[in-house]
Amino acid sequence: MPDYGKTYGVLCLAVLSALDALPETPENAGGRAILETALLTAEQMLKKDTGDKERSGR
């Protein structure tokens, strides 16, 4: 079974690195917002999936 926690960790670090590399300028605002939203969405999905597995005893 895939280890989604590790996958999420790799993706999270890449997104955070990209956000750190992008200056906070008006030109980058759209890209930064997309990355930040994707990061939060992935976090919520992982938490939901983890919680579902804990409740089902997997």
PDB file of N, CA and C in Angstrom:
ATOM      1  N   MET A   1       0.849  -1.179   0.000  1.00  0.00           N
ATOM      2  CA  MET A   1       0.000   0.000   0.000  1.00  0.00           C
ATOM      3  C   MET A   1       0.894   1.242   0.000  1.00  0.00           C
ATOM      4  N   PRO A   2       0.559   2.228  -0.814  1.00  0.00           N
ATOM      5  CA  PRO A   2       1.379   3.445  -0.875  1.00  0.00           C
ATOM      6  C   PRO A   2       1.404   4.174   0.468  1.00  0.00           C
ATOM      7  N   ASP A   3       2.512   4.792   0.747  1.00  0.00           N
ATOM      8  CA  ASP A   3       2.643   5.584   1.968  1.00  0.00           C
ATOM      9  C   ASP A   3       2.324   7.037   1.622  1.00  0.00           C
ATOM     10  N   TYR A   4       1.064   7.391   1.784  1.00  0.00           N
ATOM     11  CA  TYR A   4       0.616   8.727   1.408  1.00  0.00           C
ATOM     12  C   TYR A   4       1.223   9.802   2.310  1.00  0.00           C
ATOM     13  N   GLY A   5       1.555   9.465   3.528  1.00  0.00           N
ATOM     14  CA  GLY A   5       2.189  10.423   4.418  1.00  0.00           C
ATOM     15  C   GLY A   5       3.541  10.874   3.884  1.00  0.00           C
ATOM     16  N   LYS A   6       4.336   9.923   3.403  1.00  0.00           N
ATOM     17  CA  LYS A   6       5.639  10.268   2.834  1.00  0.00           C
ATOM     18  C   LYS A   6       5.467  11.045   1.537  1.00  0.00           C
ATOM     19  N   THR A   7       4.509  10.619   0.726  1.00  0.00           N
ATOM     20  CA  THR A   7       4.232  11.321  -0.524  1.00  0.00           C
ATOM     21  C   THR A   7       3.829  12.755  -0.240  1.00  0.00           C
ATOM     22  N   TYR A   8       2.964  12.941   0.720  1.00  0.00           N
ATOM     23  CA  TYR A   8       2.533  14.271   1.112  1.00  0.00           C
ATOM     24  C   TYR A   8       3.716  15.086   1.614  1.00  0.00           C
ATOM     25  N   GLY A   9       4.589  14.476   2.390  1.00  0.00           N
ATOM     26  CA  GLY A   9       5.757  15.172   2.919  1.00  0.00           C
ATOM     27  C   GLY A   9       6.668  15.692   1.819  1.00  0.00           C
ATOM     28  N   VAL A  10       6.912  14.873   0.816  1.00  0.00           N
ATOM     29  CA  VAL A  10       7.752  15.288  -0.311  1.00  0.00           C
ATOM     30  C   VAL A  10       7.092  16.451  -1.046  1.00  0.00           C
ATOM     31  N   LEU A  11       5.815  16.319  -1.320  1.00  0.00           N
ATOM     32  CA  LEU A  11       5.086  17.372  -2.022  1.00  0.00           C
ATOM     33  C   LEU A  11       5.050  18.656  -1.202  1.00  0.00           C
ATOM     34  N   CYS A  12       4.815  18.523   0.082  1.00  0.00           N
ATOM     35  CA  CYS A  12       4.743  19.676   0.976  1.00  0.00           C
ATOM     36  C   CYS A  12       6.062  20.440   0.967  1.00  0.00           C
ATOM     37  N   LEU A  13       7.168  19.739   1.076  1.00  0.00           N
ATOM     38  CA  LEU A  13       8.472  20.399   1.061  1.00  0.00           C
ATOM     39  C   LEU A  13       8.740  21.101  -0.265  1.00  0.00           C
ATOM     40  N   ALA A  14       8.322  20.491  -1.361  1.00  0.00           N
ATOM     41  CA  ALA A  14       8.518  21.112  -2.672  1.00  0.00           C
ATOM     42  C   ALA A  14       7.695  22.385  -2.797  1.00  0.00           C
ATOM     43  N   VAL A  15       6.448  22.340  -2.347  1.00  0.00           N
ATOM     44  CA  VAL A  15       5.588  23.527  -2.417  1.00  0.00           C
ATOM     45  C   VAL A  15       6.133  24.630  -1.518  1.00  0.00           C
ATOM     46  N   LEU A  16       6.537  24.271  -0.313  1.00  0.00           N
ATOM     47  CA  LEU A  16       7.086  25.281   0.588  1.00  0.00           C
ATOM     48  C   LEU A  16       8.370  25.894   0.021  1.00  0.00           C
ATOM     49  N   SER A  17       9.199  25.085  -0.601  1.00  0.00           N
ATOM     50  CA  SER A  17      10.418  25.598  -1.224  1.00  0.00           C
ATOM     51  C   SER A  17      10.084  26.543  -2.371  1.00  0.00           C
ATOM     52  N   ALA A  18       9.092  26.179  -3.161  1.00  0.00           N
ATOM     53  CA  ALA A  18       8.669  27.045  -4.270  1.00  0.00           C
ATOM     54  C   ALA A  18       8.132  28.367  -3.738  1.00  0.00           C
ATOM     55  N   LEU A  19       7.341  28.313  -2.666  1.00  0.00           N
ATOM     56  CA  LEU A  19       6.806  29.538  -2.077  1.00  0.00           C
ATOM     57  C   LEU A  19       7.924  30.421  -1.536  1.00  0.00           C
ATOM     58  N   ASP A  20       8.924  29.804  -0.928  1.00  0.00           N
ATOM     59  CA  ASP A  20      10.067  30.573  -0.421  1.00  0.00           C
ATOM     60  C   ASP A  20      10.846  31.230  -1.564  1.00  0.00           C
ATOM     61  N   ALA A  21      10.906  30.551  -2.710  1.00  0.00           N
ATOM     62  CA  ALA A  21      11.670  31.074  -3.842  1.00  0.00           C
ATOM     63  C   ALA A  21      10.930  32.181  -4.591  1.00  0.00           C
ATOM     64  N   LEU A  22       9.608  32.213  -4.474  1.00  0.00           N
ATOM     65  CA  LEU A  22       8.825  33.231  -5.174  1.00  0.00           C
ATOM     66  C   LEU A  22       8.711  34.493  -4.326  1.00  0.00           C
ATOM     67  N   PRO A  23       9.232  35.585  -4.814  1.00  0.00           N
ATOM     68  CA  PRO A  23       9.075  36.835  -4.064  1.00  0.00           C
ATOM     69  C   PRO A  23       7.588  37.202  -3.951  1.00  0.00           C
ATOM     70  N   GLU A  24       7.256  37.864  -2.872  1.00  0.00           N
ATOM     71  CA  GLU A  24       5.863  38.286  -2.674  1.00  0.00           C
ATOM     72  C   GLU A  24       5.619  39.585  -3.442  1.00  0.00           C
ATOM     73  N   THR A  25       5.425  39.419  -4.750  1.00  0.00           N
ATOM     74  CA  THR A  25       5.143  40.561  -5.616  1.00  0.00           C
ATOM     75  C   THR A  25       3.762  40.368  -6.235  1.00  0.00           C
ATOM     76  N   PRO A  26       3.174  41.442  -6.730  1.00  0.00           N
ATOM     77  CA  PRO A  26       1.859  41.307  -7.373  1.00  0.00           C
ATOM     78  C   PRO A  26       1.860  40.303  -8.532  1.00  0.00           C
ATOM     79  N   GLU A  27       2.978  40.233  -9.246  1.00  0.00           N
ATOM     80  CA  GLU A  27       3.064  39.303 -10.379  1.00  0.00           C
ATOM     81  C   GLU A  27       2.994  37.840  -9.933  1.00  0.00           C
ATOM     82  N   ASN A  28       3.442  37.561  -8.732  1.00  0.00           N
ATOM     83  CA  ASN A  28       3.472  36.185  -8.223  1.00  0.00           C
ATOM     84  C   ASN A  28       2.270  35.837  -7.357  1.00  0.00           C
ATOM     85  N   ALA A  29       1.406  36.787  -7.102  1.00  0.00           N
ATOM     86  CA  ALA A  29       0.291  36.568  -6.172  1.00  0.00           C
ATOM     87  C   ALA A  29      -0.592  35.394  -6.596  1.00  0.00           C
ATOM     88  N   GLY A  30      -0.893  35.295  -7.878  1.00  0.00           N
ATOM     89  CA  GLY A  30      -1.750  34.209  -8.357  1.00  0.00           C
ATOM     90  C   GLY A  30      -1.111  32.843  -8.170  1.00  0.00           C
ATOM     91  N   GLY A  31       0.158  32.728  -8.535  1.00  0.00           N
ATOM     92  CA  GLY A  31       0.871  31.458  -8.380  1.00  0.00           C
ATOM     93  C   GLY A  31       1.029  31.064  -6.923  1.00  0.00           C
ATOM     94  N   ARG A  32       1.342  32.044  -6.088  1.00  0.00           N
ATOM     95  CA  ARG A  32       1.476  31.779  -4.654  1.00  0.00           C
ATOM     96  C   ARG A  32       0.141  31.299  -4.078  1.00  0.00           C
ATOM     97  N   ALA A  33      -0.949  31.924  -4.487  1.00  0.00           N
ATOM     98  CA  ALA A  33      -2.275  31.537  -3.982  1.00  0.00           C
ATOM     99  C   ALA A  33      -2.621  30.110  -4.397  1.00  0.00           C
ATOM    100  N   ILE A  34      -2.293  29.755  -5.629  1.00  0.00           N
ATOM    101  CA  ILE A  34      -2.560  28.390  -6.109  1.00  0.00           C
ATOM    102  C   ILE A  34      -1.787  27.371  -5.274  1.00  0.00           C
ATOM    103  N   LEU A  35      -0.501  27.634  -5.050  1.00  0.00           N
ATOM    104  CA  LEU A  35       0.322  26.708  -4.268  1.00  0.00           C
ATOM    105  C   LEU A  35      -0.156  26.615  -2.819  1.00  0.00           C
ATOM    106  N   GLU A  36      -0.478  27.741  -2.214  1.00  0.00           N
ATOM    107  CA  GLU A  36      -0.945  27.740  -0.821  1.00  0.00           C
ATOM    108  C   GLU A  36      -2.268  26.989  -0.690  1.00  0.00           C
ATOM    109  N   THR A  37      -3.180  27.203  -1.634  1.00  0.00           N
ATOM    110  CA  THR A  37      -4.472  26.511  -1.601  1.00  0.00           C
ATOM    111  C   THR A  37      -4.287  25.007  -1.783  1.00  0.00           C
ATOM    112  N   ALA A  38      -3.432  24.622  -2.715  1.00  0.00           N
ATOM    113  CA  ALA A  38      -3.182  23.196  -2.946  1.00  0.00           C
ATOM    114  C   ALA A  38      -2.576  22.540  -1.709  1.00  0.00           C
ATOM    115  N   LEU A  39      -1.678  23.245  -1.055  1.00  0.00           N
ATOM    116  CA  LEU A  39      -1.050  22.715   0.158  1.00  0.00           C
ATOM    117  C   LEU A  39      -2.083  22.495   1.257  1.00  0.00           C
ATOM    118  N   LEU A  40      -2.949  23.457   1.465  1.00  0.00           N
ATOM    119  CA  LEU A  40      -3.986  23.326   2.494  1.00  0.00           C
ATOM    120  C   LEU A  40      -4.992  22.225   2.144  1.00  0.00           C
ATOM    121  N   THR A  41      -5.350  22.130   0.874  1.00  0.00           N
ATOM    122  CA  THR A  41      -6.288  21.094   0.435  1.00  0.00           C
ATOM    123  C   THR A  41      -5.695  19.704   0.645  1.00  0.00           C
ATOM    124  N   ALA A  42      -4.437  19.529   0.272  1.00  0.00           N
ATOM    125  CA  ALA A  42      -3.771  18.230   0.465  1.00  0.00           C
ATOM    126  C   ALA A  42      -3.701  17.874   1.942  1.00  0.00           C
ATOM    127  N   GLU A  43      -3.426  18.860   2.783  1.00  0.00           N
ATOM    128  CA  GLU A  43      -3.363  18.615   4.219  1.00  0.00           C
ATOM    129  C   GLU A  43      -4.722  18.153   4.754  1.00  0.00           C
ATOM    130  N   GLN A  44      -5.776  18.801   4.322  1.00  0.00           N
ATOM    131  CA  GLN A  44      -7.117  18.426   4.767  1.00  0.00           C
ATOM    132  C   GLN A  44      -7.478  17.025   4.292  1.00  0.00           C
ATOM    133  N   MET A  45      -7.113  16.701   3.046  1.00  0.00           N
ATOM    134  CA  MET A  45      -7.406  15.370   2.513  1.00  0.00           C
ATOM    135  C   MET A  45      -6.652  14.298   3.278  1.00  0.00           C
ATOM    136  N   LEU A  46      -5.385  14.542   3.593  1.00  0.00           N
ATOM    137  CA  LEU A  46      -4.584  13.569   4.337  1.00  0.00           C
ATOM    138  C   LEU A  46      -5.143  13.381   5.739  1.00  0.00           C
ATOM    139  N   LYS A  47      -5.514  14.473   6.396  1.00  0.00           N
ATOM    140  CA  LYS A  47      -6.093  14.367   7.739  1.00  0.00           C
ATOM    141  C   LYS A  47      -7.394  13.583   7.712  1.00  0.00           C
ATOM    142  N   LYS A  48      -8.236  13.838   6.705  1.00  0.00           N
ATOM    143  CA  LYS A  48      -9.510  13.115   6.598  1.00  0.00           C
ATOM    144  C   LYS A  48      -9.245  11.635   6.358  1.00  0.00           C
ATOM    145  N   ASP A  49      -8.333  11.334   5.437  1.00  0.00           N
ATOM    146  CA  ASP A  49      -8.013   9.943   5.130  1.00  0.00           C
ATOM    147  C   ASP A  49      -7.437   9.225   6.337  1.00  0.00           C
ATOM    148  N   THR A  50      -6.550   9.887   7.064  1.00  0.00           N
ATOM    149  CA  THR A  50      -5.944   9.305   8.266  1.00  0.00           C
ATOM    150  C   THR A  50      -7.010   9.068   9.330  1.00  0.00           C
ATOM    151  N   GLY A  51      -7.895  10.036   9.498  1.00  0.00           N
ATOM    152  CA  GLY A  51      -8.952   9.895  10.492  1.00  0.00           C
ATOM    153  C   GLY A  51      -9.912   8.775  10.132  1.00  0.00           C
ATOM    154  N   ASP A  52     -10.240   8.627   8.852  1.00  0.00           N
ATOM    155  CA  ASP A  52     -11.120   7.554   8.394  1.00  0.00           C
ATOM    156  C   ASP A  52     -10.492   6.194   8.673  1.00  0.00           C
ATOM    157  N   LYS A  53      -9.192   6.065   8.423  1.00  0.00           N
ATOM    158  CA  LYS A  53      -8.506   4.781   8.651  1.00  0.00           C
ATOM    159  C   LYS A  53      -8.447   4.452  10.133  1.00  0.00           C
ATOM    160  N   GLU A  54      -8.226   5.467  10.968  1.00  0.00           N
ATOM    161  CA  GLU A  54      -8.172   5.234  12.422  1.00  0.00           C
ATOM    162  C   GLU A  54      -9.534   4.791  12.944  1.00  0.00           C
ATOM    163  N   ARG A  55     -10.592   5.386  12.433  1.00  0.00           N
ATOM    164  CA  ARG A  55     -11.943   5.015  12.881  1.00  0.00           C
ATOM    165  C   ARG A  55     -12.320   3.613  12.423  1.00  0.00           C
ATOM    166  N   SER A  56     -11.818   3.198  11.237  1.00  0.00           N
ATOM    167  CA  SER A  56     -12.160   1.876  10.750  1.00  0.00           C
ATOM    168  C   SER A  56     -11.227   0.791  11.284  1.00  0.00           C
ATOM    169  N   GLY A  57     -10.173   1.202  11.987  1.00  0.00           N
ATOM    170  CA  GLY A  57      -9.261   0.234  12.589  1.00  0.00           C
ATOM    171  C   GLY A  57      -8.224  -0.309  11.635  1.00  0.00           C
ATOM    172  N   ARG A  58      -8.005   0.343  10.510  1.00  0.00           N
ATOM    173  CA  ARG A  58      -6.984  -0.118   9.551  1.00  0.00           C
ATOM    174  C   ARG A  58      -5.625   0.329   9.948  1.00  0.00           C
TER     175      ARG A  58
END
